[in-house]
Amino acid sequence: MAIKILETERLRLRPYSLADEAALFPVFADPYARRFYPEMKDPTRVRAWIEWNLRNYDEYGFGLWAVELKAEGRFIGDCGLTYQDVEGRMELEIGYHVLESERGKGYATEAARGCLDLGFTRTSCERICSIVRPENLASCTVAARIHSARRDFVRKGEAAVLFYTLREDWEAIEKECRVWVD
């Protein structure tokens, strides 16, 4: 099954290739990103990240995608859908990671919002979430913008925040938006 490219106003999300390894490494290289992904300082982990997503594409038809600026075609990070364990259940999660120089421009929110729509459109999931460590304020801000609810929980023995949107909430918002457009 071919994976379609997701496009937003400013961004293009496309499948990863192994050629993206050098572009992905800097996404996790700055001190802020390393606080949350310390294992990614090892370049072999970056390659494994891409390979994991390639397997996700084959198995599920989605994963994290490379995010590029549409106007320039320049790689700025990744965003997409993966299954994650949430309290013993596999939940569809939106993840996002952006180069330090491109943070604060709304790209993560824009890409994640597109992935939320894609997730509800292409799957039968009743809930889509984002799992964030509470001290990751930037990711908490993005997740709060795209999801309709949140709650604290413990993941792998550490405090975490589960931001989520139920299908019925998403459908109500979509319906409301269509009414305004029609």
N, C-alpha and C. Protein backbone atom coordinates (compact mmCIF):
# COMPACT_ATOMS: atom_id res chain seq x y z
N MET A 1 0.84 -1.18 0.00
CA MET A 1 0.00 0.00 0.00
C MET A 1 0.89 1.25 0.00
N ALA A 2 0.66 2.13 -0.95
CA ALA A 2 1.45 3.36 -1.04
C ALA A 2 1.01 4.33 0.04
N ILE A 3 1.96 4.99 0.62
CA ILE A 3 1.66 5.96 1.66
C ILE A 3 1.50 7.32 1.01
N LYS A 4 0.36 7.92 1.24
CA LYS A 4 0.11 9.24 0.68
C LYS A 4 0.80 10.29 1.52
N ILE A 5 1.21 11.34 0.87
CA ILE A 5 1.84 12.46 1.56
C ILE A 5 0.76 13.36 2.12
N LEU A 6 0.93 13.75 3.38
CA LEU A 6 0.03 14.69 4.04
C LEU A 6 0.60 16.09 3.85
N GLU A 7 -0.24 17.02 3.41
CA GLU A 7 0.19 18.40 3.27
C GLU A 7 -0.71 19.30 4.09
N THR A 8 -0.09 20.31 4.69
CA THR A 8 -0.82 21.35 5.40
C THR A 8 -0.52 22.66 4.67
N GLU A 9 -0.92 23.74 5.24
CA GLU A 9 -0.70 25.04 4.59
C GLU A 9 0.78 25.27 4.27
N ARG A 10 1.66 25.00 5.24
CA ARG A 10 3.09 25.30 5.05
C ARG A 10 3.99 24.07 4.99
N LEU A 11 3.44 22.91 5.27
CA LEU A 11 4.28 21.73 5.47
C LEU A 11 3.90 20.56 4.56
N ARG A 12 4.90 19.74 4.30
CA ARG A 12 4.70 18.47 3.59
C ARG A 12 5.24 17.37 4.51
N LEU A 13 4.43 16.38 4.78
CA LEU A 13 4.86 15.22 5.55
C LEU A 13 5.00 14.07 4.58
N ARG A 14 6.18 13.48 4.57
CA ARG A 14 6.47 12.40 3.62
C ARG A 14 7.12 11.25 4.36
N PRO A 15 7.08 10.06 3.77
CA PRO A 15 7.72 8.92 4.42
C PRO A 15 9.23 9.14 4.57
N TYR A 16 9.76 8.65 5.66
CA TYR A 16 11.20 8.65 5.85
C TYR A 16 11.87 7.72 4.84
N SER A 17 13.14 8.00 4.58
CA SER A 17 14.02 7.06 3.90
C SER A 17 15.31 7.04 4.71
N LEU A 18 16.12 6.03 4.49
CA LEU A 18 17.40 5.95 5.21
C LEU A 18 18.29 7.14 4.89
N ALA A 19 18.05 7.80 3.78
CA ALA A 19 18.82 8.99 3.41
C ALA A 19 18.55 10.17 4.34
N ASP A 20 17.51 10.09 5.17
CA ASP A 20 17.17 11.17 6.10
C ASP A 20 17.97 11.13 7.40
N GLU A 21 18.82 10.15 7.56
CA GLU A 21 19.54 9.96 8.82
C GLU A 21 20.32 11.21 9.24
N ALA A 22 21.08 11.79 8.33
CA ALA A 22 21.89 12.97 8.66
C ALA A 22 21.02 14.18 9.00
N ALA A 23 19.88 14.31 8.34
CA ALA A 23 18.99 15.44 8.61
C ALA A 23 18.26 15.27 9.94
N LEU A 24 17.97 14.03 10.34
CA LEU A 24 17.24 13.78 11.57
C LEU A 24 18.10 13.98 12.81
N PHE A 25 19.36 13.63 12.75
CA PHE A 25 20.22 13.69 13.93
C PHE A 25 20.16 15.05 14.64
N PRO A 26 20.25 16.19 13.93
CA PRO A 26 20.20 17.49 14.61
C PRO A 26 18.87 17.79 15.34
N VAL A 27 17.79 17.13 14.96
CA VAL A 27 16.51 17.34 15.62
C VAL A 27 16.61 16.99 17.11
N PHE A 28 17.42 15.99 17.42
CA PHE A 28 17.57 15.52 18.79
C PHE A 28 18.88 15.97 19.44
N ALA A 29 19.64 16.85 18.78
CA ALA A 29 21.00 17.18 19.23
C ALA A 29 21.08 18.32 20.24
N ASP A 30 20.11 19.21 20.28
CA ASP A 30 20.22 20.35 21.19
C ASP A 30 19.93 19.93 22.62
N PRO A 31 20.39 20.70 23.60
CA PRO A 31 20.23 20.31 25.01
C PRO A 31 18.78 20.08 25.44
N TYR A 32 17.85 20.88 24.92
CA TYR A 32 16.44 20.70 25.31
C TYR A 32 15.92 19.34 24.84
N ALA A 33 16.15 19.01 23.57
CA ALA A 33 15.69 17.73 23.03
C ALA A 33 16.39 16.56 23.72
N ARG A 34 17.65 16.72 24.03
CA ARG A 34 18.41 15.64 24.69
C ARG A 34 17.88 15.32 26.08
N ARG A 35 17.25 16.30 26.74
CA ARG A 35 16.65 16.03 28.06
C ARG A 35 15.59 14.95 27.95
N PHE A 36 14.88 14.92 26.84
CA PHE A 36 13.76 14.00 26.67
C PHE A 36 14.10 12.78 25.81
N TYR A 37 15.16 12.88 25.04
CA TYR A 37 15.60 11.78 24.17
C TYR A 37 17.11 11.61 24.26
N PRO A 38 17.62 11.31 25.45
CA PRO A 38 19.08 11.20 25.60
C PRO A 38 19.70 10.09 24.76
N GLU A 39 18.93 9.05 24.50
CA GLU A 39 19.45 7.93 23.71
C GLU A 39 19.75 8.31 22.26
N MET A 40 19.17 9.40 21.79
CA MET A 40 19.33 9.78 20.38
C MET A 40 20.65 10.48 20.09
N LYS A 41 21.52 10.60 21.10
CA LYS A 41 22.86 11.16 20.84
C LYS A 41 23.72 10.16 20.08
N ASP A 42 23.29 8.91 20.07
CA ASP A 42 24.00 7.85 19.35
C ASP A 42 23.43 7.77 17.92
N PRO A 43 24.24 8.03 16.90
CA PRO A 43 23.74 8.01 15.51
C PRO A 43 23.09 6.68 15.12
N THR A 44 23.51 5.57 15.72
CA THR A 44 22.87 4.29 15.38
C THR A 44 21.41 4.28 15.85
N ARG A 45 21.11 5.02 16.91
CA ARG A 45 19.73 5.11 17.38
C ARG A 45 18.87 5.91 16.40
N VAL A 46 19.48 6.90 15.75
CA VAL A 46 18.76 7.70 14.76
C VAL A 46 18.37 6.80 13.58
N ARG A 47 19.31 5.99 13.14
CA ARG A 47 19.01 5.04 12.05
C ARG A 47 17.92 4.06 12.49
N ALA A 48 18.00 3.57 13.72
CA ALA A 48 16.99 2.63 14.23
C ALA A 48 15.61 3.30 14.28
N TRP A 49 15.58 4.61 14.61
CA TRP A 49 14.33 5.38 14.63
C TRP A 49 13.68 5.36 13.24
N ILE A 50 14.49 5.63 12.23
CA ILE A 50 13.97 5.63 10.86
C ILE A 50 13.51 4.22 10.47
N GLU A 51 14.29 3.22 10.80
CA GLU A 51 13.93 1.84 10.46
C GLU A 51 12.63 1.42 11.17
N TRP A 52 12.45 1.86 12.43
CA TRP A 52 11.21 1.58 13.15
C TRP A 52 10.02 2.17 12.40
N ASN A 53 10.18 3.39 11.91
CA ASN A 53 9.09 4.02 11.17
C ASN A 53 8.84 3.33 9.84
N LEU A 54 9.87 2.88 9.16
CA LEU A 54 9.68 2.14 7.92
C LEU A 54 8.88 0.86 8.17
N ARG A 55 9.16 0.18 9.29
CA ARG A 55 8.38 -1.01 9.66
C ARG A 55 6.93 -0.62 9.97
N ASN A 56 6.74 0.51 10.66
CA ASN A 56 5.37 0.97 10.95
C ASN A 56 4.60 1.24 9.66
N TYR A 57 5.24 1.83 8.66
CA TYR A 57 4.56 2.08 7.39
C TYR A 57 4.07 0.76 6.80
N ASP A 58 4.96 -0.25 6.82
CA ASP A 58 4.59 -1.55 6.25
C ASP A 58 3.46 -2.21 7.03
N GLU A 59 3.52 -2.13 8.36
CA GLU A 59 2.55 -2.82 9.20
C GLU A 59 1.22 -2.09 9.33
N TYR A 60 1.27 -0.78 9.49
CA TYR A 60 0.05 -0.01 9.78
C TYR A 60 -0.36 0.97 8.68
N GLY A 61 0.56 1.31 7.79
CA GLY A 61 0.27 2.31 6.77
C GLY A 61 0.58 3.73 7.23
N PHE A 62 1.16 3.86 8.41
CA PHE A 62 1.55 5.17 8.92
C PHE A 62 2.66 5.00 9.94
N GLY A 63 3.22 6.11 10.37
CA GLY A 63 4.29 6.17 11.37
C GLY A 63 4.62 7.64 11.53
N LEU A 64 5.80 7.92 12.02
CA LEU A 64 6.27 9.31 12.01
C LEU A 64 6.78 9.58 10.60
N TRP A 65 6.46 10.75 10.08
CA TRP A 65 6.90 11.13 8.75
C TRP A 65 7.90 12.28 8.85
N ALA A 66 8.76 12.37 7.85
CA ALA A 66 9.66 13.52 7.75
C ALA A 66 8.80 14.74 7.43
N VAL A 67 9.09 15.85 8.11
CA VAL A 67 8.36 17.10 7.88
C VAL A 67 9.27 18.06 7.13
N GLU A 68 8.76 18.58 6.03
CA GLU A 68 9.51 19.55 5.23
C GLU A 68 8.69 20.82 5.06
N LEU A 69 9.40 21.93 4.93
CA LEU A 69 8.72 23.18 4.55
C LEU A 69 8.35 23.05 3.09
N LYS A 70 7.07 23.24 2.75
CA LYS A 70 6.62 23.07 1.37
C LYS A 70 7.34 24.02 0.42
N ALA A 71 7.50 25.26 0.83
CA ALA A 71 8.08 26.26 -0.07
C ALA A 71 9.53 25.96 -0.43
N GLU A 72 10.28 25.38 0.50
CA GLU A 72 11.71 25.15 0.29
C GLU A 72 12.08 23.69 0.13
N GLY A 73 11.23 22.79 0.59
CA GLY A 73 11.55 21.37 0.58
C GLY A 73 12.60 21.00 1.63
N ARG A 74 12.80 21.87 2.61
CA ARG A 74 13.83 21.65 3.63
C ARG A 74 13.27 20.86 4.80
N PHE A 75 14.01 19.83 5.23
CA PHE A 75 13.65 18.98 6.36
C PHE A 75 13.72 19.79 7.65
N ILE A 76 12.64 19.72 8.48
CA ILE A 76 12.66 20.45 9.76
C ILE A 76 12.31 19.57 10.96
N GLY A 77 11.96 18.30 10.73
CA GLY A 77 11.63 17.44 11.85
C GLY A 77 10.77 16.27 11.43
N ASP A 78 9.99 15.76 12.38
CA ASP A 78 9.07 14.69 12.05
C ASP A 78 7.78 14.83 12.85
N CYS A 79 6.75 14.17 12.36
CA CYS A 79 5.46 14.17 13.02
C CYS A 79 4.68 13.00 12.44
N GLY A 80 3.85 12.39 13.26
CA GLY A 80 3.04 11.32 12.72
C GLY A 80 2.35 10.52 13.80
N LEU A 81 1.91 9.35 13.42
CA LEU A 81 1.09 8.48 14.24
C LEU A 81 1.80 7.17 14.50
N THR A 82 1.86 6.77 15.76
CA THR A 82 2.41 5.47 16.13
C THR A 82 1.56 4.91 17.26
N TYR A 83 1.61 3.60 17.40
CA TYR A 83 0.92 2.98 18.53
C TYR A 83 1.86 2.96 19.73
N GLN A 84 1.33 3.37 20.89
CA GLN A 84 2.09 3.40 22.13
C GLN A 84 1.28 2.74 23.23
N ASP A 85 1.98 2.16 24.18
CA ASP A 85 1.34 1.54 25.33
C ASP A 85 0.92 2.63 26.32
N VAL A 86 -0.37 2.67 26.61
CA VAL A 86 -0.91 3.58 27.61
C VAL A 86 -1.69 2.72 28.60
N GLU A 87 -1.08 2.52 29.75
CA GLU A 87 -1.71 1.75 30.82
C GLU A 87 -2.20 0.38 30.36
N GLY A 88 -1.34 -0.29 29.58
CA GLY A 88 -1.66 -1.64 29.14
C GLY A 88 -2.50 -1.74 27.88
N ARG A 89 -2.85 -0.63 27.26
CA ARG A 89 -3.61 -0.62 26.01
C ARG A 89 -2.78 0.07 24.94
N MET A 90 -2.86 -0.44 23.74
CA MET A 90 -2.19 0.24 22.63
C MET A 90 -3.08 1.37 22.14
N GLU A 91 -2.53 2.58 22.19
CA GLU A 91 -3.27 3.78 21.79
C GLU A 91 -2.55 4.44 20.62
N LEU A 92 -3.31 5.02 19.73
CA LEU A 92 -2.72 5.76 18.62
C LEU A 92 -2.26 7.11 19.15
N GLU A 93 -0.97 7.39 18.96
CA GLU A 93 -0.38 8.62 19.49
C GLU A 93 0.17 9.48 18.37
N ILE A 94 0.03 10.79 18.54
CA ILE A 94 0.67 11.76 17.66
C ILE A 94 1.96 12.19 18.33
N GLY A 95 3.06 12.00 17.62
CA GLY A 95 4.36 12.47 18.10
C GLY A 95 4.90 13.53 17.15
N TYR A 96 5.77 14.39 17.66
CA TYR A 96 6.33 15.46 16.84
C TYR A 96 7.67 15.89 17.44
N HIS A 97 8.58 16.23 16.55
CA HIS A 97 9.92 16.67 16.94
C HIS A 97 10.39 17.66 15.87
N VAL A 98 10.87 18.82 16.29
CA VAL A 98 11.22 19.88 15.35
C VAL A 98 12.62 20.41 15.68
N LEU A 99 13.37 20.73 14.63
CA LEU A 99 14.68 21.35 14.80
C LEU A 99 14.59 22.56 15.72
N GLU A 100 15.59 22.74 16.55
CA GLU A 100 15.59 23.86 17.50
C GLU A 100 15.38 25.19 16.80
N SER A 101 16.03 25.40 15.65
CA SER A 101 15.92 26.68 14.94
C SER A 101 14.53 26.94 14.37
N GLU A 102 13.69 25.91 14.31
CA GLU A 102 12.35 26.05 13.73
C GLU A 102 11.23 25.98 14.76
N ARG A 103 11.59 25.82 16.02
CA ARG A 103 10.58 25.76 17.09
C ARG A 103 9.98 27.15 17.33
N GLY A 104 8.76 27.15 17.82
CA GLY A 104 8.10 28.41 18.13
C GLY A 104 7.45 29.08 16.93
N LYS A 105 7.38 28.39 15.81
CA LYS A 105 6.79 28.95 14.59
C LYS A 105 5.45 28.29 14.25
N GLY A 106 4.99 27.40 15.12
CA GLY A 106 3.70 26.75 14.90
C GLY A 106 3.76 25.52 14.00
N TYR A 107 4.94 25.09 13.60
CA TYR A 107 5.04 23.95 12.70
C TYR A 107 4.58 22.65 13.36
N ALA A 108 4.98 22.42 14.60
CA ALA A 108 4.57 21.18 15.29
C ALA A 108 3.06 21.14 15.43
N THR A 109 2.45 22.25 15.81
CA THR A 109 1.00 22.30 15.96
C THR A 109 0.31 22.04 14.62
N GLU A 110 0.80 22.66 13.58
CA GLU A 110 0.20 22.50 12.25
C GLU A 110 0.30 21.05 11.77
N ALA A 111 1.45 20.46 11.93
CA ALA A 111 1.65 19.08 11.50
C ALA A 111 0.82 18.12 12.36
N ALA A 112 0.81 18.34 13.67
CA ALA A 112 0.08 17.46 14.58
C ALA A 112 -1.43 17.55 14.33
N ARG A 113 -1.92 18.73 14.04
CA ARG A 113 -3.36 18.88 13.75
C ARG A 113 -3.72 18.10 12.48
N GLY A 114 -2.85 18.17 11.49
CA GLY A 114 -3.07 17.39 10.27
C GLY A 114 -3.07 15.90 10.55
N CYS A 115 -2.18 15.46 11.43
CA CYS A 115 -2.11 14.04 11.79
C CYS A 115 -3.33 13.60 12.60
N LEU A 116 -3.86 14.47 13.43
CA LEU A 116 -5.08 14.16 14.17
C LEU A 116 -6.22 13.89 13.19
N ASP A 117 -6.39 14.78 12.22
CA ASP A 117 -7.43 14.59 11.21
C ASP A 117 -7.20 13.29 10.43
N LEU A 118 -5.96 13.06 10.03
CA LEU A 118 -5.62 11.85 9.29
C LEU A 118 -5.92 10.60 10.11
N GLY A 119 -5.56 10.64 11.38
CA GLY A 119 -5.78 9.49 12.25
C GLY A 119 -7.25 9.13 12.38
N PHE A 120 -8.09 10.13 12.55
CA PHE A 120 -9.53 9.83 12.68
C PHE A 120 -10.15 9.49 11.33
N THR A 121 -9.61 10.03 10.25
CA THR A 121 -10.13 9.75 8.92
C THR A 121 -9.77 8.35 8.44
N ARG A 122 -8.55 7.92 8.74
CA ARG A 122 -8.05 6.65 8.18
C ARG A 122 -8.05 5.47 9.14
N THR A 123 -8.43 5.68 10.38
CA THR A 123 -8.49 4.55 11.32
C THR A 123 -9.86 4.56 12.00
N SER A 124 -10.12 3.49 12.72
CA SER A 124 -11.37 3.41 13.48
C SER A 124 -11.13 3.71 14.96
N CYS A 125 -9.96 4.25 15.30
CA CYS A 125 -9.64 4.55 16.69
C CYS A 125 -10.66 5.50 17.29
N GLU A 126 -11.04 5.23 18.53
CA GLU A 126 -11.99 6.08 19.23
C GLU A 126 -11.30 7.20 20.00
N ARG A 127 -9.96 7.08 20.17
CA ARG A 127 -9.20 8.10 20.88
C ARG A 127 -7.81 8.18 20.27
N ILE A 128 -7.33 9.39 20.10
CA ILE A 128 -5.96 9.64 19.66
C ILE A 128 -5.32 10.54 20.71
N CYS A 129 -4.09 10.23 21.06
CA CYS A 129 -3.46 10.92 22.18
C CYS A 129 -2.07 11.45 21.83
N SER A 130 -1.52 12.18 22.75
CA SER A 130 -0.11 12.57 22.76
C SER A 130 0.38 12.38 24.18
N ILE A 131 1.47 11.68 24.34
CA ILE A 131 2.06 11.41 25.65
C ILE A 131 3.23 12.36 25.84
N VAL A 132 3.19 13.14 26.92
CA VAL A 132 4.21 14.17 27.12
C VAL A 132 4.70 14.14 28.57
N ARG A 133 5.98 14.32 28.74
CA ARG A 133 6.50 14.50 30.09
C ARG A 133 6.13 15.91 30.54
N PRO A 134 5.66 16.07 31.78
CA PRO A 134 5.16 17.38 32.22
C PRO A 134 6.19 18.50 32.15
N GLU A 135 7.47 18.19 32.27
CA GLU A 135 8.50 19.23 32.20
C GLU A 135 8.83 19.65 30.76
N ASN A 136 8.28 18.94 29.78
CA ASN A 136 8.48 19.32 28.38
C ASN A 136 7.39 20.33 28.00
N LEU A 137 7.59 21.56 28.42
CA LEU A 137 6.57 22.59 28.27
C LEU A 137 6.22 22.87 26.81
N ALA A 138 7.21 22.82 25.93
CA ALA A 138 6.94 23.07 24.52
C ALA A 138 5.98 22.03 23.95
N SER A 139 6.23 20.76 24.25
CA SER A 139 5.35 19.70 23.76
C SER A 139 3.99 19.75 24.43
N CYS A 140 3.95 20.11 25.69
CA CYS A 140 2.66 20.26 26.38
C CYS A 140 1.83 21.35 25.70
N THR A 141 2.46 22.42 25.30
CA THR A 141 1.75 23.51 24.63
C THR A 141 1.15 23.04 23.32
N VAL A 142 1.94 22.33 22.52
CA VAL A 142 1.43 21.81 21.24
C VAL A 142 0.27 20.86 21.49
N ALA A 143 0.45 19.90 22.39
CA ALA A 143 -0.59 18.91 22.66
C ALA A 143 -1.87 19.57 23.16
N ALA A 144 -1.75 20.59 23.99
CA ALA A 144 -2.93 21.29 24.49
C ALA A 144 -3.68 22.01 23.37
N ARG A 145 -2.97 22.43 22.35
CA ARG A 145 -3.61 23.13 21.22
C ARG A 145 -4.39 22.18 20.33
N ILE A 146 -3.95 20.93 20.22
CA ILE A 146 -4.61 20.03 19.26
C ILE A 146 -5.60 19.08 19.91
N HIS A 147 -5.46 18.81 21.20
CA HIS A 147 -6.34 17.84 21.86
C HIS A 147 -7.40 18.55 22.70
N SER A 148 -8.47 17.81 22.99
CA SER A 148 -9.59 18.40 23.72
C SER A 148 -9.60 18.07 25.21
N ALA A 149 -8.74 17.15 25.66
CA ALA A 149 -8.72 16.77 27.07
C ALA A 149 -7.32 16.34 27.48
N ARG A 150 -7.13 16.25 28.80
CA ARG A 150 -5.84 15.82 29.32
C ARG A 150 -6.02 15.22 30.70
N ARG A 151 -5.07 14.38 31.06
CA ARG A 151 -5.02 13.85 32.41
C ARG A 151 -3.60 13.39 32.71
N ASP A 152 -3.27 13.40 33.98
CA ASP A 152 -1.97 12.93 34.42
C ASP A 152 -2.01 11.42 34.57
N PHE A 153 -0.87 10.77 34.33
CA PHE A 153 -0.75 9.34 34.57
C PHE A 153 0.71 9.00 34.76
N VAL A 154 0.98 7.76 35.07
CA VAL A 154 2.36 7.30 35.26
C VAL A 154 2.72 6.38 34.12
N ARG A 155 3.84 6.67 33.47
CA ARG A 155 4.30 5.86 32.35
C ARG A 155 5.74 5.45 32.61
N LYS A 156 5.97 4.16 32.59
CA LYS A 156 7.31 3.62 32.84
C LYS A 156 7.89 4.15 34.15
N GLY A 157 7.01 4.27 35.16
CA GLY A 157 7.44 4.71 36.48
C GLY A 157 7.66 6.20 36.62
N GLU A 158 7.33 6.99 35.60
CA GLU A 158 7.53 8.44 35.64
C GLU A 158 6.22 9.17 35.37
N ALA A 159 6.13 10.37 35.91
CA ALA A 159 4.95 11.21 35.67
C ALA A 159 4.87 11.56 34.18
N ALA A 160 3.66 11.53 33.67
CA ALA A 160 3.42 11.88 32.28
C ALA A 160 2.05 12.54 32.18
N VAL A 161 1.83 13.19 31.07
CA VAL A 161 0.53 13.79 30.79
C VAL A 161 0.00 13.15 29.51
N LEU A 162 -1.24 12.70 29.58
CA LEU A 162 -1.90 12.14 28.42
C LEU A 162 -2.88 13.19 27.91
N PHE A 163 -2.55 13.78 26.79
CA PHE A 163 -3.46 14.67 26.09
C PHE A 163 -4.20 13.79 25.10
N TYR A 164 -5.51 14.01 24.92
CA TYR A 164 -6.23 13.13 24.01
C TYR A 164 -7.47 13.81 23.44
N THR A 165 -7.93 13.24 22.34
CA THR A 165 -9.16 13.67 21.70
C THR A 165 -9.97 12.43 21.40
N LEU A 166 -11.22 12.44 21.79
CA LEU A 166 -12.14 11.36 21.47
C LEU A 166 -12.73 11.60 20.09
N ARG A 167 -13.00 10.53 19.39
CA ARG A 167 -13.58 10.65 18.04
C ARG A 167 -14.84 11.52 18.05
N GLU A 168 -15.72 11.34 19.03
CA GLU A 168 -16.96 12.11 19.05
C GLU A 168 -16.69 13.61 19.21
N ASP A 169 -15.65 13.97 19.96
CA ASP A 169 -15.29 15.39 20.09
C ASP A 169 -14.75 15.92 18.78
N TRP A 170 -13.89 15.13 18.13
CA TRP A 170 -13.33 15.53 16.83
C TRP A 170 -14.43 15.70 15.80
N GLU A 171 -15.37 14.75 15.77
CA GLU A 171 -16.47 14.83 14.80
C GLU A 171 -17.34 16.06 15.04
N ALA A 172 -17.57 16.41 16.30
CA ALA A 172 -18.37 17.60 16.61
C ALA A 172 -17.66 18.86 16.12
N ILE A 173 -16.34 18.92 16.32
CA ILE A 173 -15.57 20.08 15.86
C ILE A 173 -15.58 20.14 14.34
N GLU A 174 -15.39 18.99 13.69
CA GLU A 174 -15.40 18.95 12.22
C GLU A 174 -16.75 19.40 11.68
N LYS A 175 -17.83 18.94 12.30
CA LYS A 175 -19.17 19.31 11.87
C LYS A 175 -19.37 20.81 12.02
N GLU A 176 -18.94 21.35 13.15
CA GLU A 176 -19.06 22.79 13.40
C GLU A 176 -18.29 23.58 12.35
N CYS A 177 -17.11 23.12 11.99
CA CYS A 177 -16.31 23.82 10.98
C CYS A 177 -16.97 23.77 9.62
N ARG A 178 -17.57 22.62 9.28
CA ARG A 178 -18.26 22.50 7.98
C ARG A 178 -19.45 23.45 7.92
N VAL A 179 -20.16 23.61 9.03
CA VAL A 179 -21.31 24.52 9.05
C VAL A 179 -20.86 25.94 8.72
N TRP A 180 -19.73 26.35 9.27
CA TRP A 180 -19.23 27.71 9.02
C TRP A 180 -18.74 27.86 7.59
N VAL A 181 -18.21 26.80 7.00
CA VAL A 181 -17.69 26.88 5.64
C VAL A 181 -18.81 26.84 4.62
N ASP A 182 -19.84 26.05 4.86
CA ASP A 182 -20.93 25.88 3.88
C ASP A 182 -21.67 27.11 3.63
